[in-house]
Amino acid sequence: MQQYADMLLQVNKVAAALTAYEADLKKHPNRFNSLYGAAFCSKKTGDEIKAAGYYQQLIAISNSNSDRPELALAKKNLQEATGKGIVSAHK
């Protein structure tokens, strides 16, 4: 399902991709790529609260020493959401 979601995102079907990522997360909770995809799609569709939740989950399951670019982007987006008051402080 995650690969299907990735394909949908590549052809700019963001809402459909989000649905597919969320379906994948029901079967495979805490899958890194699906969490990142769901966060990215949520933000693209304007749901910053949902995006922040997925970014928080992604950071929580990841190694804090990881240098994956997705994590750097997740932390940046979470800082922006905190600055806007969308979420309170994050870890």
Protein backbone atom coordinates (compact mmCIF):
# COMPACT_ATOMS: atom_id res chain seq x y z
CA MET A 1 0.00 0.00 0.00
CA GLN A 2 2.88 2.36 0.74
CA GLN A 3 4.27 1.93 -2.77
CA TYR A 4 0.82 2.71 -4.18
CA ALA A 5 0.70 5.85 -2.02
CA ASP A 6 4.17 6.84 -3.25
CA MET A 7 2.98 6.45 -6.84
CA LEU A 8 -0.12 8.56 -6.19
CA LEU A 9 2.04 11.27 -4.68
CA GLN A 10 4.36 11.24 -7.70
CA VAL A 11 1.39 12.03 -9.97
CA ASN A 12 0.24 14.77 -7.57
CA LYS A 13 -2.84 12.96 -6.24
CA VAL A 14 -2.07 14.14 -2.74
CA ALA A 15 -5.44 13.44 -1.07
CA ALA A 16 -5.55 9.91 -2.50
CA ALA A 17 -1.93 9.36 -1.43
CA LEU A 18 -2.79 10.46 2.11
CA THR A 19 -5.65 7.96 2.23
CA ALA A 20 -3.31 5.20 1.04
CA TYR A 21 -0.58 6.11 3.56
CA GLU A 22 -3.14 6.09 6.37
CA ALA A 23 -4.44 2.70 5.23
CA ASP A 24 -0.87 1.37 5.27
CA LEU A 25 -0.34 2.74 8.78
CA LYS A 26 -3.37 0.78 10.00
CA LYS A 27 -1.69 -2.44 8.88
CA HIS A 28 1.87 -1.36 9.65
CA PRO A 29 1.88 1.19 12.49
CA ASN A 30 5.04 3.25 12.80
CA ARG A 31 6.32 2.51 9.29
CA PHE A 32 8.80 5.32 8.70
CA ASN A 33 8.02 6.03 5.04
CA SER A 34 4.25 5.93 5.56
CA LEU A 35 4.45 8.28 8.54
CA TYR A 36 6.57 10.68 6.54
CA GLY A 37 4.28 10.40 3.52
CA ALA A 38 1.16 10.95 5.62
CA ALA A 39 2.74 14.00 7.28
CA PHE A 40 3.86 15.44 3.95
CA CYS A 41 0.45 14.90 2.34
CA SER A 42 -1.39 16.30 5.36
CA LYS A 43 0.65 19.46 5.17
CA LYS A 44 0.13 19.72 1.40
CA THR A 45 -3.64 19.45 1.86
CA GLY A 46 -3.56 22.18 4.52
CA ASP A 47 -4.10 20.03 7.62
CA GLU A 48 -1.16 21.26 9.66
CA ILE A 49 -2.50 19.75 12.88
CA LYS A 50 -2.61 16.26 11.38
CA ALA A 51 0.79 16.83 9.76
CA ALA A 52 2.30 17.84 13.10
CA GLY A 53 0.91 14.68 14.71
CA TYR A 54 2.51 12.49 12.07
CA TYR A 55 5.79 14.40 12.30
CA GLN A 56 5.77 13.94 16.09
CA GLN A 57 5.17 10.22 15.66
CA LEU A 58 7.95 9.98 13.07
CA ILE A 59 10.44 11.69 15.37
CA ALA A 60 9.36 9.54 18.31
CA ILE A 61 10.07 6.25 16.50
CA SER A 62 13.37 7.36 14.99
CA ASN A 63 16.92 7.27 16.25
CA SER A 64 17.76 10.75 17.50
CA ASN A 65 21.23 10.48 15.92
CA SER A 66 19.85 9.71 12.48
CA ASP A 67 20.86 12.02 9.66
CA ARG A 68 17.95 11.11 7.38
CA PRO A 69 16.76 14.20 5.50
CA GLU A 70 13.14 13.28 6.22
CA LEU A 71 13.80 13.67 9.94
CA ALA A 72 15.44 17.04 9.48
CA LEU A 73 12.39 18.18 7.52
CA ALA A 74 10.05 16.70 10.15
CA LYS A 75 11.85 18.61 12.91
CA LYS A 76 11.76 21.82 10.88
CA ASN A 77 8.04 21.47 10.17
CA LEU A 78 7.33 20.69 13.81
CA GLN A 79 9.27 23.79 14.91
CA GLU A 80 7.23 25.89 12.47
CA ALA A 81 3.99 24.37 13.77
CA THR A 82 5.06 25.12 17.34
CA GLY A 83 5.90 28.71 16.36
CA LYS A 84 2.43 29.11 14.83
CA GLY A 85 0.80 27.69 17.95
CA ILE A 86 -0.50 24.64 16.07
CA VAL A 87 1.15 22.34 18.58
CA SER A 88 2.66 23.03 21.95
CA ALA A 89 6.25 22.09 22.69
CA HIS A 90 7.61 18.87 21.23
CA LYS A 91 10.43 16.61 22.39
